[in-house]
């Protein structure tokens, strides 16, 4: 899964990535951090119940991924990519979104005066 996602990105744009168990339910989360200060959380998880999944990421029941844009490690709802999370993604649909996030204008660090 991550290999396909990483192949669609320029190595110089990726600061780090981590594959881990989803913090909610049963599933996987991949956290990407890009050198521009943005990142992405790509997750697929479900909370199983008798006869299927009762809750989970958008598309989990169909084995799809959900993506959130991160800025300084927090979900950012104000990018040109989306103002929400994007669900129901095939892996091939995740790759161009990651590439778009990696090429956003760099985050300007907050200046704290004091």
PDB file of N, CA and C in Angstrom:
ATOM      1  N   UNK A   1       0.827  -1.188   0.000  1.00  0.00           N
ATOM      2  CA  UNK A   1       0.000   0.000   0.000  1.00  0.00           C
ATOM      3  C   UNK A   1       0.864   1.242   0.000  1.00  0.00           C
ATOM      4  N   UNK A   2       1.763   1.396   0.930  1.00  0.00           N
ATOM      5  CA  UNK A   2       2.570   2.610   1.005  1.00  0.00           C
ATOM      6  C   UNK A   2       3.519   2.721  -0.178  1.00  0.00           C
ATOM      7  N   UNK A   3       4.007   1.584  -0.677  1.00  0.00           N
ATOM      8  CA  UNK A   3       4.924   1.624  -1.811  1.00  0.00           C
ATOM      9  C   UNK A   3       4.283   2.307  -3.010  1.00  0.00           C
ATOM     10  N   UNK A   4       3.048   1.978  -3.300  1.00  0.00           N
ATOM     11  CA  UNK A   4       2.348   2.596  -4.431  1.00  0.00           C
ATOM     12  C   UNK A   4       2.190   4.092  -4.175  1.00  0.00           C
ATOM     13  N   UNK A   5       1.820   4.456  -2.964  1.00  0.00           N
ATOM     14  CA  UNK A   5       1.644   5.868  -2.632  1.00  0.00           C
ATOM     15  C   UNK A   5       2.961   6.625  -2.749  1.00  0.00           C
ATOM     16  N   UNK A   6       4.044   6.038  -2.261  1.00  0.00           N
ATOM     17  CA  UNK A   6       5.344   6.707  -2.287  1.00  0.00           C
ATOM     18  C   UNK A   6       5.896   6.839  -3.703  1.00  0.00           C
ATOM     19  N   UNK A   7       5.631   5.852  -4.555  1.00  0.00           N
ATOM     20  CA  UNK A   7       6.132   5.919  -5.931  1.00  0.00           C
ATOM     21  C   UNK A   7       5.546   7.092  -6.693  1.00  0.00           C
ATOM     22  N   UNK A   8       4.383   7.576  -6.289  1.00  0.00           N
ATOM     23  CA  UNK A   8       3.757   8.702  -6.957  1.00  0.00           C
ATOM     24  C   UNK A   8       4.242  10.050  -6.463  1.00  0.00           C
ATOM     25  N   UNK A   9       5.192  10.057  -5.527  1.00  0.00           N
ATOM     26  CA  UNK A   9       5.688  11.302  -4.930  1.00  0.00           C
ATOM     27  C   UNK A   9       7.165  11.499  -5.234  1.00  0.00           C
ATOM     28  N   UNK A  10       7.572  12.757  -5.286  1.00  0.00           N
ATOM     29  CA  UNK A  10       8.991  13.051  -5.434  1.00  0.00           C
ATOM     30  C   UNK A  10       9.659  12.876  -4.071  1.00  0.00           C
ATOM     31  N   UNK A  11      10.753  12.150  -4.046  1.00  0.00           N
ATOM     32  CA  UNK A  11      11.441  11.857  -2.783  1.00  0.00           C
ATOM     33  C   UNK A  11      11.809  13.130  -2.029  1.00  0.00           C
ATOM     34  N   UNK A  12      12.169  14.172  -2.756  1.00  0.00           N
ATOM     35  CA  UNK A  12      12.580  15.408  -2.092  1.00  0.00           C
ATOM     36  C   UNK A  12      11.410  16.139  -1.434  1.00  0.00           C
ATOM     37  N   UNK A  13      10.176  15.768  -1.752  1.00  0.00           N
ATOM     38  CA  UNK A  13       9.001  16.391  -1.138  1.00  0.00           C
ATOM     39  C   UNK A  13       8.600  15.722   0.176  1.00  0.00           C
ATOM     40  N   UNK A  14       9.009  14.463   0.369  1.00  0.00           N
ATOM     41  CA  UNK A  14       8.576  13.686   1.534  1.00  0.00           C
ATOM     42  C   UNK A  14       9.596  13.832   2.658  1.00  0.00           C
ATOM     43  N   UNK A  15       9.150  14.421   3.761  1.00  0.00           N
ATOM     44  CA  UNK A  15      10.007  14.548   4.947  1.00  0.00           C
ATOM     45  C   UNK A  15      10.008  13.234   5.721  1.00  0.00           C
ATOM     46  N   UNK A  16       8.806  12.655   5.904  1.00  0.00           N
ATOM     47  CA  UNK A  16       8.692  11.376   6.605  1.00  0.00           C
ATOM     48  C   UNK A  16       7.328  10.759   6.343  1.00  0.00           C
ATOM     49  N   UNK A  17       7.221   9.493   6.667  1.00  0.00           N
ATOM     50  CA  UNK A  17       5.927   8.815   6.655  1.00  0.00           C
ATOM     51  C   UNK A  17       5.967   7.692   7.674  1.00  0.00           C
ATOM     52  N   UNK A  18       4.807   7.355   8.170  1.00  0.00           N
ATOM     53  CA  UNK A  18       4.704   6.312   9.190  1.00  0.00           C
ATOM     54  C   UNK A  18       3.440   5.503   8.943  1.00  0.00           C
ATOM     55  N   UNK A  19       3.586   4.197   8.929  1.00  0.00           N
ATOM     56  CA  UNK A  19       2.456   3.284   8.813  1.00  0.00           C
ATOM     57  C   UNK A  19       2.195   2.722  10.204  1.00  0.00           C
ATOM     58  N   UNK A  20       0.950   2.820  10.653  1.00  0.00           N
ATOM     59  CA  UNK A  20       0.636   2.325  11.990  1.00  0.00           C
ATOM     60  C   UNK A  20      -0.803   1.817  12.036  1.00  0.00           C
ATOM     61  N   UNK A  21      -1.138   1.178  13.120  1.00  0.00           N
ATOM     62  CA  UNK A  21      -2.524   0.768  13.327  1.00  0.00           C
ATOM     63  C   UNK A  21      -3.378   2.013  13.491  1.00  0.00           C
ATOM     64  N   UNK A  22      -4.585   1.956  12.984  1.00  0.00           N
ATOM     65  CA  UNK A  22      -5.513   3.074  13.131  1.00  0.00           C
ATOM     66  C   UNK A  22      -5.781   3.325  14.610  1.00  0.00           C
ATOM     67  N   UNK A  23      -5.854   4.599  15.018  1.00  0.00           N
ATOM     68  CA  UNK A  23      -6.134   4.884  16.431  1.00  0.00           C
ATOM     69  C   UNK A  23      -7.565   4.531  16.835  1.00  0.00           C
ATOM     70  N   UNK A  24      -8.421   4.301  15.846  1.00  0.00           N
ATOM     71  CA  UNK A  24      -9.820   3.945  16.108  1.00  0.00           C
ATOM     72  C   UNK A  24     -10.140   2.681  15.332  1.00  0.00           C
ATOM     73  N   UNK A  25     -10.841   1.760  15.937  1.00  0.00           N
ATOM     74  CA  UNK A  25     -11.292   0.560  15.234  1.00  0.00           C
ATOM     75  C   UNK A  25     -10.144  -0.286  14.725  1.00  0.00           C
ATOM     76  N   UNK A  26     -10.477  -1.181  13.804  1.00  0.00           N
ATOM     77  CA  UNK A  26      -9.493  -2.065  13.195  1.00  0.00           C
ATOM     78  C   UNK A  26      -9.096  -1.484  11.849  1.00  0.00           C
ATOM     79  N   UNK A  27      -7.817  -1.234  11.655  1.00  0.00           N
ATOM     80  CA  UNK A  27      -7.405  -0.704  10.369  1.00  0.00           C
ATOM     81  C   UNK A  27      -5.999  -0.167  10.372  1.00  0.00           C
ATOM     82  N   UNK A  28      -5.711   0.608   9.334  1.00  0.00           N
ATOM     83  CA  UNK A  28      -4.370   1.128   9.093  1.00  0.00           C
ATOM     84  C   UNK A  28      -4.429   2.623   8.863  1.00  0.00           C
ATOM     85  N   UNK A  29      -3.405   3.314   9.330  1.00  0.00           N
ATOM     86  CA  UNK A  29      -3.257   4.743   9.083  1.00  0.00           C
ATOM     87  C   UNK A  29      -1.838   4.992   8.595  1.00  0.00           C
ATOM     88  N   UNK A  30      -1.721   5.817   7.546  1.00  0.00           N
ATOM     89  CA  UNK A  30      -0.415   6.240   7.063  1.00  0.00           C
ATOM     90  C   UNK A  30      -0.369   7.756   7.214  1.00  0.00           C
ATOM     91  N   UNK A  31       0.640   8.230   7.931  1.00  0.00           N
ATOM     92  CA  UNK A  31       0.830   9.667   8.130  1.00  0.00           C
ATOM     93  C   UNK A  31       2.006  10.112   7.271  1.00  0.00           C
ATOM     94  N   UNK A  32       1.742  11.046   6.373  1.00  0.00           N
ATOM     95  CA  UNK A  32       2.785  11.628   5.536  1.00  0.00           C
ATOM     96  C   UNK A  32       3.091  13.024   6.053  1.00  0.00           C
ATOM     97  N   UNK A  33       4.373  13.375   6.069  1.00  0.00           N
ATOM     98  CA  UNK A  33       4.792  14.733   6.387  1.00  0.00           C
ATOM     99  C   UNK A  33       5.665  15.205   5.225  1.00  0.00           C
ATOM    100  N   UNK A  34       5.308  16.360   4.666  1.00  0.00           N
ATOM    101  CA  UNK A  34       6.036  16.892   3.523  1.00  0.00           C
ATOM    102  C   UNK A  34       6.898  18.064   3.953  1.00  0.00           C
ATOM    103  N   UNK A  35       7.924  18.361   3.162  1.00  0.00           N
ATOM    104  CA  UNK A  35       8.864  19.420   3.527  1.00  0.00           C
ATOM    105  C   UNK A  35       8.213  20.806   3.521  1.00  0.00           C
ATOM    106  N   UNK A  36       7.063  20.957   2.868  1.00  0.00           N
ATOM    107  CA  UNK A  36       6.388  22.259   2.828  1.00  0.00           C
ATOM    108  C   UNK A  36       5.578  22.560   4.090  1.00  0.00           C
ATOM    109  N   UNK A  37       5.588  21.654   5.080  1.00  0.00           N
ATOM    110  CA  UNK A  37       4.847  21.872   6.323  1.00  0.00           C
ATOM    111  C   UNK A  37       3.467  21.243   6.337  1.00  0.00           C
ATOM    112  N   UNK A  38       3.034  20.747   5.182  1.00  0.00           N
ATOM    113  CA  UNK A  38       1.754  20.049   5.099  1.00  0.00           C
ATOM    114  C   UNK A  38       1.992  18.549   5.224  1.00  0.00           C
ATOM    115  N   UNK A  39       0.931  17.820   5.337  1.00  0.00           N
ATOM    116  CA  UNK A  39       1.004  16.371   5.403  1.00  0.00           C
ATOM    117  C   UNK A  39      -0.350  15.792   5.080  1.00  0.00           C
ATOM    118  N   UNK A  40      -0.474  14.501   5.300  1.00  0.00           N
ATOM    119  CA  UNK A  40      -1.742  13.822   5.048  1.00  0.00           C
ATOM    120  C   UNK A  40      -1.879  12.646   5.991  1.00  0.00           C
ATOM    121  N   UNK A  41      -3.118  12.406   6.383  1.00  0.00           N
ATOM    122  CA  UNK A  41      -3.473  11.197   7.100  1.00  0.00           C
ATOM    123  C   UNK A  41      -4.331  10.388   6.141  1.00  0.00           C
ATOM    124  N   UNK A  42      -3.851   9.191   5.804  1.00  0.00           N
ATOM    125  CA  UNK A  42      -4.584   8.293   4.922  1.00  0.00           C
ATOM    126  C   UNK A  42      -4.964   7.103   5.785  1.00  0.00           C
ATOM    127  N   UNK A  43      -6.259   6.884   5.942  1.00  0.00           N
ATOM    128  CA  UNK A  43      -6.715   5.904   6.920  1.00  0.00           C
ATOM    129  C   UNK A  43      -7.835   5.036   6.344  1.00  0.00           C
ATOM    130  N   UNK A  44      -7.851   3.812   6.841  1.00  0.00           N
ATOM    131  CA  UNK A  44      -8.961   2.901   6.541  1.00  0.00           C
ATOM    132  C   UNK A  44      -9.192   2.091   7.810  1.00  0.00           C
ATOM    133  N   UNK A  45     -10.351   2.279   8.431  1.00  0.00           N
ATOM    134  CA  UNK A  45     -10.655   1.541   9.649  1.00  0.00           C
ATOM    135  C   UNK A  45     -12.149   1.296   9.743  1.00  0.00           C
ATOM    136  N   UNK A  46     -12.496   0.248  10.431  1.00  0.00           N
ATOM    137  CA  UNK A  46     -13.889  -0.067  10.666  1.00  0.00           C
ATOM    138  C   UNK A  46     -14.072  -0.570  12.073  1.00  0.00           C
ATOM    139  N   UNK A  47     -15.247  -0.345  12.582  1.00  0.00           N
ATOM    140  CA  UNK A  47     -15.625  -0.882  13.885  1.00  0.00           C
ATOM    141  C   UNK A  47     -16.613  -2.001  13.593  1.00  0.00           C
ATOM    142  N   UNK A  48     -16.148  -3.246  13.719  1.00  0.00           N
ATOM    143  CA  UNK A  48     -16.982  -4.375  13.320  1.00  0.00           C
ATOM    144  C   UNK A  48     -18.173  -4.592  14.250  1.00  0.00           C
ATOM    145  N   UNK A  49     -19.215  -5.101  13.649  1.00  0.00           N
ATOM    146  CA  UNK A  49     -20.420  -5.483  14.393  1.00  0.00           C
ATOM    147  C   UNK A  49     -20.988  -6.722  13.718  1.00  0.00           C
ATOM    148  N   UNK A  50     -21.946  -7.325  14.342  1.00  0.00           N
ATOM    149  CA  UNK A  50     -22.589  -8.496  13.769  1.00  0.00           C
ATOM    150  C   UNK A  50     -23.128  -8.145  12.389  1.00  0.00           C
ATOM    151  N   UNK A  51     -22.659  -8.828  11.374  1.00  0.00           N
ATOM    152  CA  UNK A  51     -23.177  -8.621  10.026  1.00  0.00           C
ATOM    153  C   UNK A  51     -22.496  -7.513   9.245  1.00  0.00           C
ATOM    154  N   UNK A  52     -21.406  -6.929   9.746  1.00  0.00           N
ATOM    155  CA  UNK A  52     -20.724  -5.896   8.972  1.00  0.00           C
ATOM    156  C   UNK A  52     -20.037  -4.874   9.845  1.00  0.00           C
ATOM    157  N   UNK A  53     -19.829  -3.706   9.266  1.00  0.00           N
ATOM    158  CA  UNK A  53     -19.160  -2.615   9.964  1.00  0.00           C
ATOM    159  C   UNK A  53     -20.212  -1.587  10.359  1.00  0.00           C
ATOM    160  N   UNK A  54     -20.219  -1.179  11.643  1.00  0.00           N
ATOM    161  CA  UNK A  54     -21.220  -0.207  12.086  1.00  0.00           C
ATOM    162  C   UNK A  54     -20.737   1.227  11.950  1.00  0.00           C
ATOM    163  N   UNK A  55     -19.426   1.419  11.964  1.00  0.00           N
ATOM    164  CA  UNK A  55     -18.865   2.765  11.822  1.00  0.00           C
ATOM    165  C   UNK A  55     -17.437   2.622  11.336  1.00  0.00           C
ATOM    166  N   UNK A  56     -16.916   3.707  10.806  1.00  0.00           N
ATOM    167  CA  UNK A  56     -15.533   3.664  10.365  1.00  0.00           C
ATOM    168  C   UNK A  56     -15.220   4.837   9.469  1.00  0.00           C
ATOM    169  N   UNK A  57     -14.069   4.753   8.844  1.00  0.00           N
ATOM    170  CA  UNK A  57     -13.669   5.801   7.913  1.00  0.00           C
ATOM    171  C   UNK A  57     -14.589   5.756   6.698  1.00  0.00           C
ATOM    172  N   UNK A  58     -14.667   6.884   5.991  1.00  0.00           N
ATOM    173  CA  UNK A  58     -15.536   6.953   4.818  1.00  0.00           C
ATOM    174  C   UNK A  58     -15.028   6.023   3.736  1.00  0.00           C
ATOM    175  N   UNK A  59     -15.748   4.925   3.526  1.00  0.00           N
ATOM    176  CA  UNK A  59     -15.402   3.948   2.507  1.00  0.00           C
ATOM    177  C   UNK A  59     -14.826   2.659   3.048  1.00  0.00           C
ATOM    178  N   UNK A  60     -14.660   2.563   4.353  1.00  0.00           N
ATOM    179  CA  UNK A  60     -14.036   1.372   4.942  1.00  0.00           C
ATOM    180  C   UNK A  60     -14.782   0.093   4.578  1.00  0.00           C
ATOM    181  N   UNK A  61     -16.100   0.145   4.566  1.00  0.00           N
ATOM    182  CA  UNK A  61     -16.886  -1.048   4.268  1.00  0.00           C
ATOM    183  C   UNK A  61     -16.630  -1.538   2.844  1.00  0.00           C
ATOM    184  N   UNK A  62     -16.184  -0.643   1.966  1.00  0.00           N
ATOM    185  CA  UNK A  62     -15.886  -0.995   0.577  1.00  0.00           C
ATOM    186  C   UNK A  62     -14.373  -1.116   0.356  1.00  0.00           C
ATOM    187  N   UNK A  63     -13.603  -1.214   1.449  1.00  0.00           N
ATOM    188  CA  UNK A  63     -12.149  -1.330   1.387  1.00  0.00           C
ATOM    189  C   UNK A  63     -11.495  -0.124   0.713  1.00  0.00           C
ATOM    190  N   UNK A  64     -12.037   1.045   0.961  1.00  0.00           N
ATOM    191  CA  UNK A  64     -11.540   2.303   0.389  1.00  0.00           C
ATOM    192  C   UNK A  64     -10.827   3.114   1.473  1.00  0.00           C
ATOM    193  N   UNK A  65     -10.125   4.150   1.063  1.00  0.00           N
ATOM    194  CA  UNK A  65      -9.333   4.989   1.950  1.00  0.00           C
ATOM    195  C   UNK A  65      -9.996   6.342   2.173  1.00  0.00           C
ATOM    196  N   UNK A  66      -9.649   6.961   3.285  1.00  0.00           N
ATOM    197  CA  UNK A  66     -10.073   8.326   3.607  1.00  0.00           C
ATOM    198  C   UNK A  66      -8.806   9.156   3.808  1.00  0.00           C
ATOM    199  N   UNK A  67      -8.796  10.370   3.272  1.00  0.00           N
ATOM    200  CA  UNK A  67      -7.628  11.243   3.354  1.00  0.00           C
ATOM    201  C   UNK A  67      -7.996  12.557   4.017  1.00  0.00           C
ATOM    202  N   UNK A  68      -7.141  13.010   4.912  1.00  0.00           N
ATOM    203  CA  UNK A  68      -7.269  14.335   5.523  1.00  0.00           C
ATOM    204  C   UNK A  68      -5.966  15.085   5.281  1.00  0.00           C
ATOM    205  N   UNK A  69      -6.067  16.360   4.933  1.00  0.00           N
ATOM    206  CA  UNK A  69      -4.888  17.215   4.778  1.00  0.00           C
ATOM    207  C   UNK A  69      -4.464  17.680   6.166  1.00  0.00           C
ATOM    208  N   UNK A  70      -3.177  17.612   6.427  1.00  0.00           N
ATOM    209  CA  UNK A  70      -2.625  18.055   7.707  1.00  0.00           C
ATOM    210  C   UNK A  70      -1.741  19.272   7.489  1.00  0.00           C
ATOM    211  N   UNK A  71      -1.755  20.165   8.443  1.00  0.00           N
ATOM    212  CA  UNK A  71      -0.831  21.305   8.462  1.00  0.00           C
ATOM    213  C   UNK A  71      -0.230  21.349   9.854  1.00  0.00           C
ATOM    214  N   UNK A  72       1.064  21.257   9.917  1.00  0.00           N
ATOM    215  CA  UNK A  72       1.751  21.182  11.208  1.00  0.00           C
ATOM    216  C   UNK A  72       1.165  20.082  12.094  1.00  0.00           C
ATOM    217  N   UNK A  73       0.801  18.960  11.467  1.00  0.00           N
ATOM    218  CA  UNK A  73       0.319  17.797  12.203  1.00  0.00           C
ATOM    219  C   UNK A  73      -1.153  17.792  12.579  1.00  0.00           C
ATOM    220  N   UNK A  74      -1.880  18.854  12.246  1.00  0.00           N
ATOM    221  CA  UNK A  74      -3.307  18.952  12.578  1.00  0.00           C
ATOM    222  C   UNK A  74      -4.131  18.996  11.293  1.00  0.00           C
ATOM    223  N   UNK A  75      -5.357  18.487  11.342  1.00  0.00           N
ATOM    224  CA  UNK A  75      -6.219  18.535  10.155  1.00  0.00           C
ATOM    225  C   UNK A  75      -6.461  19.988   9.763  1.00  0.00           C
ATOM    226  N   UNK A  76      -6.304  20.262   8.475  1.00  0.00           N
ATOM    227  CA  UNK A  76      -6.491  21.613   7.936  1.00  0.00           C
ATOM    228  C   UNK A  76      -7.652  21.573   6.943  1.00  0.00           C
ATOM    229  N   UNK A  77      -8.710  22.284   7.277  1.00  0.00           N
ATOM    230  CA  UNK A  77      -9.908  22.318   6.433  1.00  0.00           C
ATOM    231  C   UNK A  77      -9.917  23.531   5.497  1.00  0.00           C
ATOM    232  N   UNK A  78      -8.778  24.201   5.321  1.00  0.00           N
ATOM    233  CA  UNK A  78      -8.783  25.445   4.551  1.00  0.00           C
ATOM    234  C   UNK A  78      -7.819  25.418   3.362  1.00  0.00           C
ATOM    235  N   UNK A  79      -7.565  24.257   2.807  1.00  0.00           N
ATOM    236  CA  UNK A  79      -6.654  24.179   1.667  1.00  0.00           C
ATOM    237  C   UNK A  79      -7.430  24.150   0.356  1.00  0.00           C
ATOM    238  N   UNK A  80      -6.754  24.426  -0.752  1.00  0.00           N
ATOM    239  CA  UNK A  80      -7.418  24.310  -2.053  1.00  0.00           C
ATOM    240  C   UNK A  80      -7.739  22.858  -2.424  1.00  0.00           C
ATOM    241  N   UNK A  81      -7.164  21.907  -1.706  1.00  0.00           N
ATOM    242  CA  UNK A  81      -7.413  20.488  -1.992  1.00  0.00           C
ATOM    243  C   UNK A  81      -8.822  20.116  -1.543  1.00  0.00           C
ATOM    244  N   UNK A  82      -9.194  20.495  -0.318  1.00  0.00           N
ATOM    245  CA  UNK A  82     -10.518  20.171   0.215  1.00  0.00           C
ATOM    246  C   UNK A  82     -10.777  20.973   1.488  1.00  0.00           C
ATOM    247  N   UNK A  83     -12.050  21.134   1.805  1.00  0.00           N
ATOM    248  CA  UNK A  83     -12.432  21.776   3.067  1.00  0.00           C
ATOM    249  C   UNK A  83     -13.029  20.747   4.027  1.00  0.00           C
ATOM    250  N   UNK A  84     -12.715  19.479   3.778  1.00  0.00           N
ATOM    251  CA  UNK A  84     -13.226  18.376   4.585  1.00  0.00           C
ATOM    252  C   UNK A  84     -12.241  17.220   4.426  1.00  0.00           C
ATOM    253  N   UNK A  85     -12.584  16.050   4.907  1.00  0.00           N
ATOM    254  CA  UNK A  85     -11.827  14.857   4.564  1.00  0.00           C
ATOM    255  C   UNK A  85     -12.389  14.345   3.233  1.00  0.00           C
ATOM    256  N   UNK A  86     -11.606  13.533   2.547  1.00  0.00           N
ATOM    257  CA  UNK A  86     -12.047  12.948   1.281  1.00  0.00           C
ATOM    258  C   UNK A  86     -12.085  11.443   1.467  1.00  0.00           C
ATOM    259  N   UNK A  87     -13.246  10.850   1.309  1.00  0.00           N
ATOM    260  CA  UNK A  87     -13.401   9.424   1.518  1.00  0.00           C
ATOM    261  C   UNK A  87     -13.668   8.666   0.240  1.00  0.00           C
ATOM    262  N   UNK A  88     -13.806   7.352   0.400  1.00  0.00           N
ATOM    263  CA  UNK A  88     -14.165   6.442  -0.693  1.00  0.00           C
ATOM    264  C   UNK A  88     -13.125   6.463  -1.810  1.00  0.00           C
ATOM    265  N   UNK A  89     -11.836   6.507  -1.435  1.00  0.00           N
ATOM    266  CA  UNK A  89     -10.753   6.602  -2.407  1.00  0.00           C
ATOM    267  C   UNK A  89     -10.087   5.254  -2.637  1.00  0.00           C
ATOM    268  N   UNK A  90      -9.879   4.920  -3.908  1.00  0.00           N
ATOM    269  CA  UNK A  90      -8.990   3.816  -4.239  1.00  0.00           C
ATOM    270  C   UNK A  90      -7.569   4.302  -4.019  1.00  0.00           C
ATOM    271  N   UNK A  91      -6.652   3.372  -3.857  1.00  0.00           N
ATOM    272  CA  UNK A  91      -5.257   3.751  -3.654  1.00  0.00           C
ATOM    273  C   UNK A  91      -4.742   4.618  -4.807  1.00  0.00           C
ATOM    274  N   UNK A  92      -5.177   4.302  -6.019  1.00  0.00           N
ATOM    275  CA  UNK A  92      -4.737   5.084  -7.183  1.00  0.00           C
ATOM    276  C   UNK A  92      -5.275   6.515  -7.145  1.00  0.00           C
ATOM    277  N   UNK A  93      -6.346   6.751  -6.417  1.00  0.00           N
ATOM    278  CA  UNK A  93      -6.892   8.103  -6.273  1.00  0.00           C
ATOM    279  C   UNK A  93      -6.200   8.876  -5.154  1.00  0.00           C
ATOM    280  N   UNK A  94      -5.580   8.172  -4.229  1.00  0.00           N
ATOM    281  CA  UNK A  94      -4.865   8.817  -3.124  1.00  0.00           C
ATOM    282  C   UNK A  94      -3.584   9.477  -3.631  1.00  0.00           C
ATOM    283  N   UNK A  95      -2.885   8.808  -4.545  1.00  0.00           N
ATOM    284  CA  UNK A  95      -1.572   9.263  -5.007  1.00  0.00           C
ATOM    285  C   UNK A  95      -1.590  10.689  -5.555  1.00  0.00           C
ATOM    286  N   UNK A  96      -2.491  11.050  -6.489  1.00  0.00           N
ATOM    287  CA  UNK A  96      -2.462  12.432  -6.982  1.00  0.00           C
ATOM    288  C   UNK A  96      -2.815  13.462  -5.911  1.00  0.00           C
ATOM    289  N   UNK A  97      -3.634  13.089  -4.947  1.00  0.00           N
ATOM    290  CA  UNK A  97      -3.961  14.018  -3.856  1.00  0.00           C
ATOM    291  C   UNK A  97      -2.731  14.266  -2.992  1.00  0.00           C
ATOM    292  N   UNK A  98      -1.974  13.216  -2.707  1.00  0.00           N
ATOM    293  CA  UNK A  98      -0.738  13.384  -1.942  1.00  0.00           C
ATOM    294  C   UNK A  98       0.231  14.294  -2.695  1.00  0.00           C
ATOM    295  N   UNK A  99       0.343  14.096  -4.002  1.00  0.00           N
ATOM    296  CA  UNK A  99       1.248  14.924  -4.808  1.00  0.00           C
ATOM    297  C   UNK A  99       0.804  16.387  -4.779  1.00  0.00           C
ATOM    298  N   UNK A 100      -0.505  16.640  -4.806  1.00  0.00           N
ATOM    299  CA  UNK A 100      -1.011  18.018  -4.735  1.00  0.00           C
ATOM    300  C   UNK A 100      -0.674  18.652  -3.386  1.00  0.00           C
ATOM    301  N   UNK A 101      -0.856  17.881  -2.316  1.00  0.00           N
ATOM    302  CA  UNK A 101      -0.556  18.392  -0.972  1.00  0.00           C
ATOM    303  C   UNK A 101       0.933  18.727  -0.865  1.00  0.00           C
ATOM    304  N   UNK A 102       1.778  17.854  -1.420  1.00  0.00           N
ATOM    305  CA  UNK A 102       3.223  18.045  -1.332  1.00  0.00           C
ATOM    306  C   UNK A 102       3.692  19.287  -2.077  1.00  0.00           C
ATOM    307  N   UNK A 103       2.880  19.794  -3.009  1.00  0.00           N
ATOM    308  CA  UNK A 103       3.296  20.965  -3.785  1.00  0.00           C
ATOM    309  C   UNK A 103       2.550  22.240  -3.397  1.00  0.00           C
ATOM    310  N   UNK A 104       1.790  22.194  -2.304  1.00  0.00           N
ATOM    311  CA  UNK A 104       1.172  23.426  -1.809  1.00  0.00           C
ATOM    312  C   UNK A 104       2.272  24.402  -1.393  1.00  0.00           C
ATOM    313  N   UNK A 105       1.961  25.699  -1.434  1.00  0.00           N
ATOM    314  CA  UNK A 105       2.920  26.698  -0.967  1.00  0.00           C
ATOM    315  C   UNK A 105       3.316  26.381   0.472  1.00  0.00           C
ATOM    316  N   UNK A 106       4.586  26.564   0.810  1.00  0.00           N
ATOM    317  CA  UNK A 106       5.055  26.216   2.159  1.00  0.00           C
ATOM    318  C   UNK A 106       4.286  26.944   3.262  1.00  0.00           C
ATOM    319  N   UNK A 107       4.121  26.254   4.358  1.00  0.00           N
ATOM    320  CA  UNK A 107       3.490  26.821   5.540  1.00  0.00           C
ATOM    321  C   UNK A 107       4.453  27.848   6.130  1.00  0.00           C
ATOM    322  N   UNK A 108       3.913  29.006   6.441  1.00  0.00           N
ATOM    323  CA  UNK A 108       4.725  30.035   7.090  1.00  0.00           C
ATOM    324  C   UNK A 108       4.613  29.827   8.596  1.00  0.00           C
ATOM    325  N   UNK A 109       5.755  29.614   9.261  1.00  0.00           N
ATOM    326  CA  UNK A 109       5.698  29.385  10.709  1.00  0.00           C
ATOM    327  C   UNK A 109       5.119  30.600  11.440  1.00  0.00           C
ATOM    328  N   UNK A 110       4.382  30.331  12.486  1.00  0.00           N
ATOM    329  CA  UNK A 110       3.825  31.414  13.302  1.00  0.00           C
ATOM    330  C   UNK A 110       4.950  32.125  14.040  1.00  0.00           C
ATOM    331  N   UNK A 111       4.884  33.436  14.053  1.00  0.00           N
ATOM    332  CA  UNK A 111       5.848  34.237  14.795  1.00  0.00           C
ATOM    333  C   UNK A 111       5.207  34.627  16.127  1.00  0.00           C
ATOM    334  N   UNK A 112       5.844  34.260  17.201  1.00  0.00           N
ATOM    335  CA  UNK A 112       5.336  34.610  18.537  1.00  0.00           C
ATOM    336  C   UNK A 112       6.190  35.763  19.053  1.00  0.00           C
ATOM    337  N   UNK A 113       5.517  36.861  19.274  1.00  0.00           N
ATOM    338  CA  UNK A 113       6.233  38.032  19.792  1.00  0.00           C
ATOM    339  C   UNK A 113       6.161  38.023  21.316  1.00  0.00           C
ATOM    340  N   UNK A 114       7.194  38.438  21.904  1.00  0.00           N
ATOM    341  CA  UNK A 114       7.127  38.424  23.333  1.00  0.00           C
ATOM    342  C   UNK A 114       8.272  39.064  23.924  1.00  0.00           C
TER     343      UNK A 114
END
